[in-house]
């Protein structure tokens, strides 16, 4: 049987409703239909998206699924304190019983950088430093260093901030 995955980033068309739980239910049902992977995005400040933390969303999905792999797609490293992120990922990996994949990037939204009080134009430089620290900490982690290397992936390694809808 082939792997079959889908990308989940709940986009609201009506701000009066929450799609968060609807998407968790959808992923539970998708697993029943044979989907093997779910890729979960996150944005802190995009008003049309419900998922601000793919870590929290993934933990809810993991608690309700048995076999589906959850792929954090992607963790914008400039948004995170790396020591805390490593500990949270260790917990999530143990909860997942090996069903976790970790994607990381420099992030994209200017509004996210402003919300977190850092210069969006410094995003690539911050990402480079945090990525180096992240990989050192992963290799130092007794839990995360057991993950197969193909469970880690990155997107958009660029020296320039990403153009996004609110840039």
Foldseek 3Di string as FASTA:
>chain_A
DDAAEEEDWQFAPDLVDDCLVVVLVVVLVVVVVPHAEYEYEADCDDSRTDHNDLLVSLLSSLVRHDGHAYEDNAAQQLLDDQVVVLVSVLVSCVSNVQRYAYEYELDADPVRCVVSVHHLFCSLVSSVVSVVVNVVVLCVDPRNVPHPPVSYYYDDNDNGHHDDPRD
